[in-house]
C-alpha atoms as a PDB file:
ATOM      1  CA  MET A   1       0.000   0.000   0.000  1.00  0.00           C
ATOM      2  CA  ILE A   2       2.948   2.345   0.481  1.00  0.00           C
ATOM      3  CA  THR A   3       3.649   2.325  -3.246  1.00  0.00           C
ATOM      4  CA  ARG A   4       0.064   3.506  -3.773  1.00  0.00           C
ATOM      5  CA  ASP A   5       0.725   6.390  -1.389  1.00  0.00           C
ATOM      6  CA  VAL A   6       4.031   7.229  -3.085  1.00  0.00           C
ATOM      7  CA  ARG A   7       2.361   7.163  -6.512  1.00  0.00           C
ATOM      8  CA  GLN A   8      -0.332   9.576  -5.349  1.00  0.00           C
ATOM      9  CA  ALA A   9       2.187  11.864  -3.631  1.00  0.00           C
ATOM     10  CA  ILE A  10       4.289  12.057  -6.797  1.00  0.00           C
ATOM     11  CA  ALA A  11       1.156  12.901  -8.803  1.00  0.00           C
ATOM     12  CA  ARG A  12       0.436  15.778  -6.403  1.00  0.00           C
ATOM     13  CA  ALA A  13       4.029  16.991  -6.653  1.00  0.00           C
ATOM     14  CA  VAL A  14       3.947  16.837 -10.466  1.00  0.00           C
ATOM     15  CA  ALA A  15       0.731  18.879 -10.518  1.00  0.00           C
ATOM     16  CA  ALA A  16       2.089  21.410  -7.995  1.00  0.00           C
ATOM     17  CA  ALA A  17       5.190  21.863 -10.143  1.00  0.00           C
ATOM     18  CA  GLY A  18       3.012  22.710 -13.132  1.00  0.00           C
ATOM     19  CA  PHE A  19       3.448  19.555 -15.186  1.00  0.00           C
ATOM     20  CA  GLY A  20       0.848  17.278 -16.743  1.00  0.00           C
ATOM     21  CA  CYS A  21       0.070  13.710 -15.746  1.00  0.00           C
ATOM     22  CA  ALA A  22       2.902  11.187 -15.977  1.00  0.00           C
ATOM     23  CA  ASP A  23       3.418   7.660 -14.744  1.00  0.00           C
ATOM     24  CA  PRO A  24       5.847   7.597 -11.799  1.00  0.00           C
ATOM     25  CA  GLY A  25       7.701   4.506 -13.018  1.00  0.00           C
ATOM     26  CA  LEU A  26       8.329   3.211  -9.505  1.00  0.00           C
ATOM     27  CA  ARG A  27      11.125   0.776  -8.721  1.00  0.00           C
ATOM     28  CA  PRO A  28      12.967  -0.390  -5.572  1.00  0.00           C
ATOM     29  CA  ALA A  29      15.660   1.957  -4.299  1.00  0.00           C
ATOM     30  CA  GLY A  30      17.932  -0.054  -2.058  1.00  0.00           C
ATOM     31  CA  GLY A  31      15.903  -1.217   0.902  1.00  0.00           C
ATOM     32  CA  PRO A  32      12.507  -1.390   2.647  1.00  0.00           C
ATOM     33  CA  GLY A  33      10.663   1.911   2.631  1.00  0.00           C
ATOM     34  CA  ARG A  34      12.784   3.320  -0.194  1.00  0.00           C
ATOM     35  CA  TYR A  35      11.407   3.893  -3.688  1.00  0.00           C
ATOM     36  CA  ALA A  36      12.753   5.418  -6.898  1.00  0.00           C
ATOM     37  CA  SER A  37      10.812   7.091  -9.691  1.00  0.00           C
ATOM     38  CA  SER A  38      11.710   7.853 -13.299  1.00  0.00           C
ATOM     39  CA  VAL A  39       8.864  10.357 -13.654  1.00  0.00           C
ATOM     40  CA  ALA A  40      11.143  13.349 -14.313  1.00  0.00           C
ATOM     41  CA  PHE A  41      12.479  11.840 -17.538  1.00  0.00           C
ATOM     42  CA  GLY A  42       9.080  12.279 -19.165  1.00  0.00           C
ATOM     43  CA  LEU A  43       8.487  15.840 -18.000  1.00  0.00           C
ATOM     44  CA  GLY A  44      11.135  17.917 -19.737  1.00  0.00           C
ATOM     45  CA  GLU A  45      14.660  18.312 -21.034  1.00  0.00           C
ATOM     46  CA  SER A  46      16.301  18.732 -17.598  1.00  0.00           C
ATOM     47  CA  PRO A  47      15.193  15.655 -15.628  1.00  0.00           C
ATOM     48  CA  ARG A  48      17.718  16.203 -12.828  1.00  0.00           C
ATOM     49  CA  GLU A  49      16.429  19.724 -12.220  1.00  0.00           C
ATOM     50  CA  ILE A  50      12.812  18.576 -12.453  1.00  0.00           C
ATOM     51  CA  ALA A  51      13.480  15.744 -10.008  1.00  0.00           C
ATOM     52  CA  GLY A  52      14.885  18.299  -7.571  1.00  0.00           C
ATOM     53  CA  ARG A  53      11.735  20.397  -7.822  1.00  0.00           C
ATOM     54  CA  LEU A  54       9.553  17.372  -7.253  1.00  0.00           C
ATOM     55  CA  ALA A  55      11.682  16.314  -4.288  1.00  0.00           C
ATOM     56  CA  ALA A  56      11.123  19.716  -2.680  1.00  0.00           C
ATOM     57  CA  GLU A  57       7.373  19.252  -3.042  1.00  0.00           C
ATOM     58  CA  LEU A  58       7.482  15.712  -1.644  1.00  0.00           C
ATOM     59  CA  ALA A  59       9.498  16.832   1.376  1.00  0.00           C
ATOM     60  CA  ARG A  60       6.359  18.610   2.577  1.00  0.00           C
ATOM     61  CA  GLU A  61       4.619  15.267   3.130  1.00  0.00           C
ATOM     62  CA  PRO A  62       4.836  14.401   6.858  1.00  0.00           C
ATOM     63  CA  TRP A  63       5.117  10.642   6.195  1.00  0.00           C
ATOM     64  CA  ILE A  64       8.077  11.028   3.826  1.00  0.00           C
ATOM     65  CA  ALA A  65      11.424  11.058   5.608  1.00  0.00           C
ATOM     66  CA  ALA A  66      13.518  12.136   2.622  1.00  0.00           C
ATOM     67  CA  ALA A  67      13.141  12.931  -1.069  1.00  0.00           C
ATOM     68  CA  GLU A  68      15.942  13.877  -3.420  1.00  0.00           C
ATOM     69  CA  ALA A  69      17.159  13.846  -6.994  1.00  0.00           C
ATOM     70  CA  ALA A  70      19.626  11.101  -7.874  1.00  0.00           C
ATOM     71  CA  GLY A  71      21.770  10.283 -10.886  1.00  0.00           C
ATOM     72  CA  PRO A  72      20.704  11.821 -14.189  1.00  0.00           C
ATOM     73  CA  GLY A  73      17.174  12.551 -12.977  1.00  0.00           C
ATOM     74  CA  TYR A  74      15.731   9.841 -10.800  1.00  0.00           C
ATOM     75  CA  LEU A  75      13.590  10.830  -7.853  1.00  0.00           C
ATOM     76  CA  THR A  76      14.167   8.828  -4.666  1.00  0.00           C
ATOM     77  CA  VAL A  77      11.745   8.700  -1.765  1.00  0.00           C
ATOM     78  CA  ALA A  78      12.195   7.232   1.707  1.00  0.00           C
ATOM     79  CA  VAL A  79       9.191   6.933   4.004  1.00  0.00           C
ATOM     80  CA  THR A  80       9.372   7.375   7.763  1.00  0.00           C
ATOM     81  CA  TRP A  81       9.920   4.413  10.057  1.00  0.00           C
ATOM     82  CA  GLN A  82       6.456   5.003  11.512  1.00  0.00           C
ATOM     83  CA  THR A  83       4.934   4.650   8.038  1.00  0.00           C
ATOM     84  CA  LEU A  84       6.653   1.323   7.484  1.00  0.00           C
ATOM     85  CA  THR A  85       5.741   0.084  10.959  1.00  0.00           C
ATOM     86  CA  ALA A  86       2.055   0.944  10.472  1.00  0.00           C
ATOM     87  CA  LEU A  87       1.828  -0.992   7.185  1.00  0.00           C
ATOM     88  CA  PRO A  88       0.750  -4.407   8.581  1.00  0.00           C
ATOM     89  CA  GLY A  89      -2.214  -2.890  10.398  1.00  0.00           C
ATOM     90  CA  ARG A  90      -3.291  -0.966   7.320  1.00  0.00           C
ATOM     91  CA  ILE A  91      -3.150  -4.067   5.116  1.00  0.00           C
ATOM     92  CA  ALA A  92      -5.064  -6.248   7.554  1.00  0.00           C
ATOM     93  CA  GLU A  93      -7.750  -3.588   7.965  1.00  0.00           C
ATOM     94  CA  ALA A  94      -8.082  -3.017   4.212  1.00  0.00           C
ATOM     95  CA  GLY A  95      -8.465  -6.704   3.347  1.00  0.00           C
ATOM     96  CA  PRO A  96      -8.958  -7.212  -0.415  1.00  0.00           C
ATOM     97  CA  ALA A  97      -8.714  -3.442  -0.944  1.00  0.00           C
ATOM     98  CA  CYS A  98      -5.019  -3.557  -0.024  1.00  0.00           C
ATOM     99  CA  ALA A  99      -4.304  -4.500  -3.659  1.00  0.00           C
ATOM    100  CA  THR A 100      -6.287  -1.652  -5.207  1.00  0.00           C
ATOM    101  CA  SER A 101      -5.191   1.730  -6.526  1.00  0.00           C
ATOM    102  CA  ASP A 102      -6.169   4.452  -8.998  1.00  0.00           C
ATOM    103  CA  ALA A 103      -3.081   3.904 -11.153  1.00  0.00           C
ATOM    104  CA  LEU A 104      -5.108   3.055 -14.271  1.00  0.00           C
ATOM    105  CA  ARG A 105      -7.932   5.526 -13.717  1.00  0.00           C
ATOM    106  CA  GLY A 106      -9.164   6.746 -17.110  1.00  0.00           C
ATOM    107  CA  MET A 107      -8.430   3.466 -18.880  1.00  0.00           C
ATOM    108  CA  THR A 108     -11.432   1.575 -20.251  1.00  0.00           C
ATOM    109  CA  LEU A 109     -11.491  -2.010 -21.463  1.00  0.00           C
ATOM    110  CA  GLN A 110     -13.993  -4.713 -22.230  1.00  0.00           C
ATOM    111  CA  ALA A 111     -14.097  -7.692 -19.927  1.00  0.00           C
ATOM    112  CA  PRO A 112     -13.987 -11.055 -21.695  1.00  0.00           C
ATOM    113  CA  PRO A 113     -16.273 -13.878 -20.615  1.00  0.00           C
ATOM    114  CA  ALA A 114     -15.253 -15.773 -17.504  1.00  0.00           C
ATOM    115  CA  VAL A 115     -13.079 -18.736 -18.359  1.00  0.00           C
ATOM    116  CA  ASP A 116     -14.498 -22.243 -18.198  1.00  0.00           C
ATOM    117  CA  LEU A 117     -11.367 -24.361 -18.245  1.00  0.00           C
ATOM    118  CA  PHE A 118     -13.343 -27.540 -18.831  1.00  0.00           C
ATOM    119  CA  ALA A 119     -14.591 -26.176 -22.156  1.00  0.00           C
ATOM    120  CA  LEU A 120     -11.229 -25.218 -23.678  1.00  0.00           C
ATOM    121  CA  ALA A 121      -9.563 -27.587 -26.085  1.00  0.00           C
ATOM    122  CA  THR A 122      -5.847 -26.772 -25.828  1.00  0.00           C
ATOM    123  CA  TRP A 123      -3.410 -25.262 -23.363  1.00  0.00           C
ATOM    124  CA  GLU A 124      -2.707 -22.338 -25.712  1.00  0.00           C
ATOM    125  CA  GLU A 125      -6.424 -21.589 -25.958  1.00  0.00           C
ATOM    126  CA  ALA A 126      -6.783 -21.826 -22.165  1.00  0.00           C
ATOM    127  CA  TRP A 127      -3.786 -19.532 -21.593  1.00  0.00           C
ATOM    128  CA  LYS A 128      -5.044 -16.856 -23.998  1.00  0.00           C
ATOM    129  CA  ALA A 129      -8.531 -16.870 -22.504  1.00  0.00           C
ATOM    130  CA  LEU A 130      -7.278 -16.754 -18.928  1.00  0.00           C
ATOM    131  CA  THR A 131      -4.733 -14.021 -19.691  1.00  0.00           C
ATOM    132  CA  ALA A 132      -7.522 -11.819 -21.064  1.00  0.00           C
ATOM    133  CA  GLU A 133      -9.721 -12.496 -18.025  1.00  0.00           C
ATOM    134  CA  LEU A 134      -6.953 -11.826 -15.504  1.00  0.00           C
ATOM    135  CA  THR A 135      -5.770  -8.668 -17.254  1.00  0.00           C
ATOM    136  CA  ALA A 136      -9.293  -7.279 -16.894  1.00  0.00           C
ATOM    137  CA  ARG A 137      -9.430  -8.313 -13.226  1.00  0.00           C
ATOM    138  CA  LEU A 138      -6.101  -6.660 -12.462  1.00  0.00           C
ATOM    139  CA  ALA A 139      -7.007  -3.536 -14.418  1.00  0.00           C
ATOM    140  CA  ALA A 140     -10.241  -3.121 -12.471  1.00  0.00           C
ATOM    141  CA  ALA A 141      -8.327  -3.384  -9.190  1.00  0.00           C
ATOM    142  CA  ALA A 142      -5.948  -0.692 -10.472  1.00  0.00           C
ATOM    143  CA  GLY A 143      -8.788   1.735 -11.121  1.00  0.00           C
ATOM    144  CA  ALA A 144      -9.625   1.082 -14.784  1.00  0.00           C
ATOM    145  CA  THR A 145     -13.211   1.007 -15.992  1.00  0.00           C
ATOM    146  CA  VAL A 146     -13.971  -2.532 -17.095  1.00  0.00           C
ATOM    147  CA  LYS A 147     -17.163  -2.928 -19.064  1.00  0.00           C
ATOM    148  CA  GLU A 148     -19.064  -6.128 -18.529  1.00  0.00           C
ATOM    149  CA  GLY A 149     -18.260  -8.687 -21.172  1.00  0.00           C
ATOM    150  CA  ALA A 150     -20.430 -11.252 -22.849  1.00  0.00           C
ATOM    151  CA  LYS A 151     -21.689 -14.021 -20.647  1.00  0.00           C
ATOM    152  CA  PRO A 152     -20.104 -17.416 -21.261  1.00  0.00           C
ATOM    153  CA  PRO A 153     -22.244 -19.917 -23.120  1.00  0.00           C
ATOM    154  CA  ALA A 154     -24.199 -22.355 -21.017  1.00  0.00           C
ATOM    155  CA  ALA A 155     -22.207 -25.448 -20.228  1.00  0.00           C
ATOM    156  CA  GLY A 156     -23.219 -28.315 -22.419  1.00  0.00           C
ATOM    157  CA  GLN A 157     -21.560 -31.648 -22.836  1.00  0.00           C
ATOM    158  CA  ARG A 158     -17.863 -30.940 -22.334  1.00  0.00           C
ATOM    159  CA  PRO A 159     -15.297 -32.633 -24.533  1.00  0.00           C
ATOM    160  CA  ALA A 160     -12.559 -34.717 -22.973  1.00  0.00           C
ATOM    161  CA  THR A 161      -9.482 -32.506 -23.443  1.00  0.00           C
ATOM    162  CA  GLU A 162      -6.041 -32.370 -21.848  1.00  0.00           C
ATOM    163  CA  VAL A 163      -7.075 -29.171 -20.061  1.00  0.00           C
ATOM    164  CA  ALA A 164     -10.185 -30.787 -18.600  1.00  0.00           C
ATOM    165  CA  ALA A 165      -8.163 -33.834 -17.608  1.00  0.00           C
ATOM    166  CA  ALA A 166      -5.638 -31.693 -15.745  1.00  0.00           C
ATOM    167  CA  VAL A 167      -8.384 -29.794 -13.939  1.00  0.00           C
ATOM    168  CA  GLY A 168      -9.987 -33.059 -12.917  1.00  0.00           C
ATOM    169  CA  TYR A 169      -6.691 -34.490 -11.700  1.00  0.00           C
ATOM    170  CA  ALA A 170      -4.935 -31.510 -10.065  1.00  0.00           C
ATOM    171  CA  GLY A 171      -7.779 -29.078  -9.359  1.00  0.00           C
ATOM    172  CA  VAL A 172      -9.023 -25.844 -10.898  1.00  0.00           C
ATOM    173  CA  ASP A 173      -6.959 -23.598  -8.588  1.00  0.00           C
ATOM    174  CA  GLU A 174      -3.750 -25.388  -9.461  1.00  0.00           C
ATOM    175  CA  VAL A 175      -4.460 -25.136 -13.185  1.00  0.00           C
ATOM    176  CA  ARG A 176      -5.481 -21.470 -13.026  1.00  0.00           C
ATOM    177  CA  PHE A 177      -2.350 -20.470 -11.131  1.00  0.00           C
ATOM    178  CA  SER A 178      -0.090 -22.500 -13.393  1.00  0.00           C
ATOM    179  CA  LEU A 179      -1.623 -20.923 -16.491  1.00  0.00           C
ATOM    180  CA  ALA A 180      -1.492 -17.458 -14.939  1.00  0.00           C
ATOM    181  CA  ARG A 181       2.267 -17.698 -14.409  1.00  0.00           C
ATOM    182  CA  SER A 182       2.974 -18.973 -17.922  1.00  0.00           C
ATOM    183  CA  VAL A 183       5.225 -16.558 -19.814  1.00  0.00           C
ATOM    184  CA  PRO A 184       4.060 -15.303 -23.214  1.00  0.00           C
ATOM    185  CA  GLY A 185       6.178 -16.286 -26.175  1.00  0.00           C
ATOM    186  CA  HIS A 186       6.889 -19.760 -24.803  1.00  0.00           C
ATOM    187  CA  PRO A 187       4.959 -22.995 -25.358  1.00  0.00           C
ATOM    188  CA  VAL A 188       2.351 -23.527 -22.647  1.00  0.00           C
ATOM    189  CA  ARG A 189       3.162 -26.797 -20.939  1.00  0.00           C
ATOM    190  CA  ILE A 190       1.223 -27.735 -17.818  1.00  0.00           C
ATOM    191  CA  GLU A 191       2.078 -31.117 -16.329  1.00  0.00           C
ATOM    192  CA  GLU A 192      -0.783 -32.220 -14.126  1.00  0.00           C
ATOM    193  CA  ALA A 193       1.372 -34.511 -11.999  1.00  0.00           C
ATOM    194  CA  LYS A 194       3.730 -31.646 -11.130  1.00  0.00           C
ATOM    195  CA  ILE A 195       1.124 -28.997 -10.319  1.00  0.00           C
ATOM    196  CA  ALA A 196      -0.754 -31.432  -8.067  1.00  0.00           C
ATOM    197  CA  ARG A 197       2.283 -32.018  -5.819  1.00  0.00           C
ATOM    198  CA  HIS A 198       2.130 -30.593  -2.289  1.00  0.00           C
ATOM    199  CA  VAL A 199       5.711 -29.352  -2.209  1.00  0.00           C
ATOM    200  CA  LEU A 200       7.060 -25.801  -1.995  1.00  0.00           C
ATOM    201  CA  GLU A 201       8.862 -26.274  -5.300  1.00  0.00           C
ATOM    202  CA  ASN A 202       5.410 -26.277  -6.916  1.00  0.00           C
ATOM    203  CA  PRO A 203       4.334 -22.591  -7.187  1.00  0.00           C
ATOM    204  CA  ALA A 204       0.662 -23.522  -7.518  1.00  0.00           C
ATOM    205  CA  TYR A 205       0.917 -25.072  -4.049  1.00  0.00           C
ATOM    206  CA  ALA A 206       3.475 -22.748  -2.435  1.00  0.00           C
ATOM    207  CA  VAL A 207       1.481 -19.512  -2.728  1.00  0.00           C
ATOM    208  CA  ARG A 208      -1.667 -21.071  -1.303  1.00  0.00           C
ATOM    209  CA  TYR A 209       0.380 -22.788   1.414  1.00  0.00           C
ATOM    210  CA  ALA A 210       1.937 -19.436   2.373  1.00  0.00           C
ATOM    211  CA  HIS A 211      -1.548 -18.034   2.953  1.00  0.00           C
ATOM    212  CA  ALA A 212      -2.456 -21.048   5.080  1.00  0.00           C
ATOM    213  CA  ARG A 213       0.833 -20.626   6.983  1.00  0.00           C
ATOM    214  CA  ALA A 214       0.012 -16.998   7.761  1.00  0.00           C
ATOM    215  CA  ALA A 215      -3.516 -17.949   8.798  1.00  0.00           C
ATOM    216  CA  SER A 216      -2.189 -20.626  11.143  1.00  0.00           C
ATOM    217  CA  GLY A 217       0.186 -18.071  12.658  1.00  0.00           C
ATOM    218  CA  VAL A 218      -2.749 -15.794  13.418  1.00  0.00           C
ATOM    219  CA  ARG A 219      -4.733 -18.658  14.986  1.00  0.00           C
ATOM    220  CA  TRP A 220      -1.756 -19.723  17.084  1.00  0.00           C
ATOM    221  CA  ALA A 221      -1.090 -16.207  18.324  1.00  0.00           C
ATOM    222  CA  VAL A 222      -4.723 -15.608  19.216  1.00  0.00           C
ATOM    223  CA  ALA A 223      -4.887 -18.929  21.039  1.00  0.00           C
ATOM    224  CA  LEU A 224      -1.984 -17.794  23.215  1.00  0.00           C
ATOM    225  CA  GLY A 225      -3.726 -14.541  23.992  1.00  0.00           C
ATOM    226  CA  ALA A 226      -1.686 -12.179  21.837  1.00  0.00           C
ATOM    227  CA  GLU A 227      -3.654  -9.047  21.062  1.00  0.00           C
ATOM    228  CA  ALA A 228      -3.101  -6.199  18.672  1.00  0.00           C
ATOM    229  CA  GLY A 229      -1.337  -3.274  20.292  1.00  0.00           C
ATOM    230  CA  GLN A 230       0.848  -0.382  19.322  1.00  0.00           C
ATOM    231  CA  PRO A 231       2.868  -1.188  16.191  1.00  0.00           C
ATOM    232  CA  ARG A 232       6.539  -1.840  16.872  1.00  0.00           C
ATOM    233  CA  PRO A 233       9.467  -1.531  14.486  1.00  0.00           C
ATOM    234  CA  PRO A 234      10.339  -4.769  12.666  1.00  0.00           C
ATOM    235  CA  ALA A 235      12.940  -6.697  14.603  1.00  0.00           C
ATOM    236  CA  ASP A 236      14.911  -8.565  11.956  1.00  0.00           C
ATOM    237  CA  PRO A 237      15.794  -8.544   8.230  1.00  0.00           C
ATOM    238  CA  GLY A 238      13.107 -11.121   7.458  1.00  0.00           C
ATOM    239  CA  GLU A 239      10.384  -8.866   8.821  1.00  0.00           C
ATOM    240  CA  LEU A 240      11.735  -5.933   6.833  1.00  0.00           C
ATOM    241  CA  ALA A 241      11.841  -8.045   3.676  1.00  0.00           C
ATOM    242  CA  LEU A 242       8.220  -9.092   4.169  1.00  0.00           C
ATOM    243  CA  LEU A 243       7.102  -5.511   4.801  1.00  0.00           C
ATOM    244  CA  ASP A 244       8.916  -4.381   1.682  1.00  0.00           C
ATOM    245  CA  ALA A 245       7.338  -7.117  -0.453  1.00  0.00           C
ATOM    246  CA  LEU A 246       3.855  -6.296   0.870  1.00  0.00           C
ATOM    247  CA  SER A 247       4.332  -2.582   0.204  1.00  0.00           C
ATOM    248  CA  TRP A 248       4.548  -3.277  -3.552  1.00  0.00           C
ATOM    249  CA  LEU A 249       1.242  -5.166  -3.872  1.00  0.00           C
ATOM    250  CA  PRO A 250      -0.937  -2.457  -5.521  1.00  0.00           C
ATOM    251  CA  GLU A 251       1.896  -1.359  -7.806  1.00  0.00           C
ATOM    252  CA  ARG A 252       2.533  -4.898  -9.028  1.00  0.00           C
ATOM    253  CA  VAL A 253      -1.185  -5.231  -9.810  1.00  0.00           C
ATOM    254  CA  ALA A 254      -1.155  -2.009 -11.838  1.00  0.00           C
ATOM    255  CA  VAL A 255       2.029  -2.789 -13.776  1.00  0.00           C
ATOM    256  CA  ALA A 256       0.869  -6.301 -14.686  1.00  0.00           C
ATOM    257  CA  ALA A 257      -2.488  -4.956 -15.870  1.00  0.00           C
ATOM    258  CA  ARG A 258      -0.936  -2.185 -17.948  1.00  0.00           C
ATOM    259  CA  ARG A 259       1.433  -4.619 -19.648  1.00  0.00           C
ATOM    260  CA  GLY A 260      -1.189  -7.356 -20.063  1.00  0.00           C
ATOM    261  CA  ARG A 261       1.152  -9.660 -18.150  1.00  0.00           C
ATOM    262  CA  PRO A 262      -0.660 -11.479 -15.336  1.00  0.00           C
ATOM    263  CA  ASP A 263       2.325 -13.841 -15.270  1.00  0.00           C
ATOM    264  CA  GLU A 264       4.398 -11.023 -13.760  1.00  0.00           C
ATOM    265  CA  PHE A 265       1.874 -10.607 -10.965  1.00  0.00           C
ATOM    266  CA  ALA A 266       1.714 -14.367 -10.338  1.00  0.00           C
ATOM    267  CA  ARG A 267       5.496 -14.462  -9.997  1.00  0.00           C
ATOM    268  CA  TYR A 268       5.409 -11.519  -7.617  1.00  0.00           C
ATOM    269  CA  LEU A 269       3.013 -13.562  -5.476  1.00  0.00           C
ATOM    270  CA  GLU A 270       5.513 -16.429  -5.559  1.00  0.00           C
ATOM    271  CA  GLU A 271       8.204 -14.111  -4.194  1.00  0.00           C
ATOM    272  CA  LEU A 272       5.815 -12.783  -1.547  1.00  0.00           C
ATOM    273  CA  ALA A 273       4.918 -16.352  -0.574  1.00  0.00           C
ATOM    274  CA  SER A 274       8.566 -17.365  -0.265  1.00  0.00           C
ATOM    275  CA  THR A 275       9.309 -14.369   1.966  1.00  0.00           C
ATOM    276  CA  THR A 276       6.199 -15.037   4.042  1.00  0.00           C
ATOM    277  CA  ILE A 277       7.097 -18.668   4.663  1.00  0.00           C
ATOM    278  CA  ALA A 278      10.710 -17.856   5.549  1.00  0.00           C
ATOM    279  CA  THR A 279       9.774 -15.025   7.907  1.00  0.00           C
ATOM    280  CA  LEU A 280       6.861 -16.671   9.681  1.00  0.00           C
ATOM    281  CA  SER A 281       8.818 -19.905  10.090  1.00  0.00           C
ATOM    282  CA  SER A 282      11.620 -18.231  12.040  1.00  0.00           C
ATOM    283  CA  THR A 283      11.805 -18.944  15.782  1.00  0.00           C
ATOM    284  CA  SER A 284      10.375 -15.564  16.740  1.00  0.00           C
ATOM    285  CA  HIS A 285       7.151 -15.786  14.766  1.00  0.00           C
ATOM    286  CA  PRO A 286       3.637 -17.197  15.212  1.00  0.00           C
ATOM    287  CA  GLY A 287       3.519 -20.962  15.093  1.00  0.00           C
ATOM    288  CA  SER A 288       7.131 -21.367  16.178  1.00  0.00           C
ATOM    289  CA  ALA A 289       8.543 -22.334  19.556  1.00  0.00           C
ATOM    290  CA  ARG A 290       8.449 -18.833  21.050  1.00  0.00           C
ATOM    291  CA  ALA A 291       5.357 -16.840  21.877  1.00  0.00           C
ATOM    292  CA  PRO A 292       4.743 -14.079  19.347  1.00  0.00           C
ATOM    293  CA  GLY A 293       4.617 -10.400  20.163  1.00  0.00           C
ATOM    294  CA  THR A 294       1.815  -8.196  18.922  1.00  0.00           C
ATOM    295  CA  ASP A 295       3.987  -7.017  16.025  1.00  0.00           C
ATOM    296  CA  ARG A 296       4.371 -10.623  14.857  1.00  0.00           C
ATOM    297  CA  LEU A 297       0.628 -11.097  15.003  1.00  0.00           C
ATOM    298  CA  ALA A 298       0.139  -7.968  12.889  1.00  0.00           C
ATOM    299  CA  LEU A 299       2.681  -9.182  10.355  1.00  0.00           C
ATOM    300  CA  ALA A 300       0.973 -12.580  10.038  1.00  0.00           C
ATOM    301  CA  ARG A 301      -2.386 -10.876   9.568  1.00  0.00           C
ATOM    302  CA  ALA A 302      -0.936  -8.607   6.891  1.00  0.00           C
ATOM    303  CA  ALA A 303       0.653 -11.494   4.997  1.00  0.00           C
ATOM    304  CA  ARG A 304      -2.622 -13.409   5.107  1.00  0.00           C
ATOM    305  CA  ALA A 305      -4.562 -10.393   3.802  1.00  0.00           C
ATOM    306  CA  GLY A 306      -2.045  -9.569   1.069  1.00  0.00           C
ATOM    307  CA  LEU A 307      -1.802 -13.120  -0.240  1.00  0.00           C
ATOM    308  CA  ALA A 308      -5.580 -13.555  -0.119  1.00  0.00           C
ATOM    309  CA  ALA A 309      -6.059 -10.349  -2.118  1.00  0.00           C
ATOM    310  CA  GLY A 310      -3.521 -11.436  -4.708  1.00  0.00           C
ATOM    311  CA  LEU A 311      -4.886 -14.947  -5.099  1.00  0.00           C
ATOM    312  CA  GLY A 312      -8.404 -13.537  -5.309  1.00  0.00           C
ATOM    313  CA  LEU A 313      -7.404 -11.382  -8.274  1.00  0.00           C
ATOM    314  CA  LEU A 314      -6.195 -14.539 -10.025  1.00  0.00           C
ATOM    315  CA  GLY A 315      -9.468 -16.300  -9.230  1.00  0.00           C
ATOM    316  CA  VAL A 316      -7.642 -18.790  -7.016  1.00  0.00           C
ATOM    317  CA  ASP A 317      -8.850 -19.941  -3.608  1.00  0.00           C
ATOM    318  CA  ALA A 318      -6.849 -18.887  -0.529  1.00  0.00           C
ATOM    319  CA  PRO A 319      -7.256 -21.713   2.017  1.00  0.00           C
ATOM    320  CA  ASP A 320      -6.758 -21.195   5.762  1.00  0.00           C
ATOM    321  CA  ARG A 321      -5.622 -24.800   6.183  1.00  0.00           C
ATOM    322  CA  MET A 322      -3.686 -27.132   3.902  1.00  0.00           C
END
């Protein structure tokens, strides 16, 4: 959610400096709570000078610790420690809305029919149909206007295809996630035996398992009587890494939608899942040998909410137990 705030703050700074709308082009800038923008390169012939003007505007924001021009014209922003510390509570409270933004406001697209995987004949056909559906889903979450598409035809007698066989064997969630992460320009190959495996090397399992792991951490903490309290600074690099990954959620949605690349968003969720599992499995986190503090409970809640929002956008179930 912090990237959503940074995007909006940059838009205000651009307007205050007298420029028209421009995409901020956000990217990581060397650590949690630090973000870089290439916005100045599209605003004039002196990007370094423009970045300096924008930085002066951003410095007025109370939640921004520092803003400055860097290199040939990049704009770097660092948020306050309090802003980073408050992120888990904001994500948990927002729920599915933690993935939303207004990044694509003004864009309009037609939604395709919902995908019926049982009715599609080939993997290529299934991938194209699902990519169109997911792009529309992601775009809507990023603020685009998505017009309702045609309703899918009523299900009749479904042919026996390799797609239908894989859905029947591995499950619809496993097939949807595996198709979603398939990279364009490469043959679509989904091996039902692999995507049905309950191992962390299987992305279709790992992301859903990470959500279940976060949910179990919340249950364990609540059972021990941990209650939400004042947010505390993250205590170790794993916590910081998880906070940083969660902060990018709405931006990753917007970028994937703009590029028509739901595979990029699916792979972001894989990275978020890996960080979640590593962090919440450490000895200081819910579900481990030591009792969690309230900050650990907040972090588990945030990871659960972020992963659930992301999986929901892919049309994949987010189980609390696996």
